[in-house]
Amino acid sequence: MLLGPHAIGFIADWLSLPAALTSVAALAAVAALIGYATRHAATR
């Protein structure tokens, strides 16, 4: 959690700001899928 902003800044410097923000959106989607999968795995 503490490394997130630094990683975003590194990606923005290395590639571009849109790429950094896209990576944030992609990681949020992955986190949502993991949460969805574990929630439904517990109810089975």
C-alpha atoms as a PDB file:
ATOM      1  CA  MET A   1       0.000   0.000   0.000  1.00  0.00           C
ATOM      2  CA  LEU A   2       2.849   2.361   0.760  1.00  0.00           C
ATOM      3  CA  LEU A   3       4.652   1.427  -2.444  1.00  0.00           C
ATOM      4  CA  GLY A   4       1.659   2.008  -4.729  1.00  0.00           C
ATOM      5  CA  PRO A   5       2.085   5.741  -5.381  1.00  0.00           C
ATOM      6  CA  HIS A   6       5.820   5.293  -5.938  1.00  0.00           C
ATOM      7  CA  ALA A   7       5.217   2.453  -8.373  1.00  0.00           C
ATOM      8  CA  ILE A   8       2.671   4.537 -10.286  1.00  0.00           C
ATOM      9  CA  GLY A   9       5.163   7.408 -10.499  1.00  0.00           C
ATOM     10  CA  PHE A  10       7.897   5.046 -11.687  1.00  0.00           C
ATOM     11  CA  ILE A  11       5.647   3.620 -14.410  1.00  0.00           C
ATOM     12  CA  ALA A  12       4.602   7.139 -15.425  1.00  0.00           C
ATOM     13  CA  ASP A  13       8.240   8.208 -15.752  1.00  0.00           C
ATOM     14  CA  TRP A  14       9.278   4.992 -17.481  1.00  0.00           C
ATOM     15  CA  LEU A  15       6.372   4.722 -19.942  1.00  0.00           C
ATOM     16  CA  SER A  16       3.661   7.369 -19.690  1.00  0.00           C
ATOM     17  CA  LEU A  17       0.938   8.582 -17.365  1.00  0.00           C
ATOM     18  CA  PRO A  18      -1.874   6.852 -19.316  1.00  0.00           C
ATOM     19  CA  ALA A  19       0.009   3.558 -19.057  1.00  0.00           C
ATOM     20  CA  ALA A  20       0.427   4.035 -15.312  1.00  0.00           C
ATOM     21  CA  LEU A  21      -3.257   4.791 -14.814  1.00  0.00           C
ATOM     22  CA  THR A  22      -4.218   1.850 -17.007  1.00  0.00           C
ATOM     23  CA  SER A  23      -2.115  -0.408 -14.808  1.00  0.00           C
ATOM     24  CA  VAL A  24      -3.983   0.914 -11.763  1.00  0.00           C
ATOM     25  CA  ALA A  25      -7.319   0.125 -13.421  1.00  0.00           C
ATOM     26  CA  ALA A  26      -6.119  -3.340 -14.448  1.00  0.00           C
ATOM     27  CA  LEU A  27      -4.898  -4.153 -10.937  1.00  0.00           C
ATOM     28  CA  ALA A  28      -8.206  -2.960  -9.486  1.00  0.00           C
ATOM     29  CA  ALA A  29     -10.050  -5.267 -11.891  1.00  0.00           C
ATOM     30  CA  VAL A  30      -7.835  -8.191 -10.865  1.00  0.00           C
ATOM     31  CA  ALA A  31      -8.507  -7.434  -7.197  1.00  0.00           C
ATOM     32  CA  ALA A  32     -12.253  -7.358  -7.879  1.00  0.00           C
ATOM     33  CA  LEU A  33     -12.092 -10.706  -9.675  1.00  0.00           C
ATOM     34  CA  ILE A  34     -10.137 -12.279  -6.818  1.00  0.00           C
ATOM     35  CA  GLY A  35     -12.664 -10.958  -4.317  1.00  0.00           C
ATOM     36  CA  TYR A  36     -15.563 -12.232  -6.398  1.00  0.00           C
ATOM     37  CA  ALA A  37     -13.964 -15.659  -6.810  1.00  0.00           C
ATOM     38  CA  THR A  38     -13.150 -16.079  -3.127  1.00  0.00           C
ATOM     39  CA  ARG A  39     -16.577 -14.886  -2.053  1.00  0.00           C
ATOM     40  CA  HIS A  40     -18.328 -17.432  -4.229  1.00  0.00           C
ATOM     41  CA  ALA A  41     -15.845 -20.189  -3.390  1.00  0.00           C
ATOM     42  CA  ALA A  42     -16.709 -19.833   0.294  1.00  0.00           C
ATOM     43  CA  THR A  43     -20.447 -20.293  -0.318  1.00  0.00           C
ATOM     44  CA  ARG A  44     -20.061 -23.546  -2.270  1.00  0.00           C
END
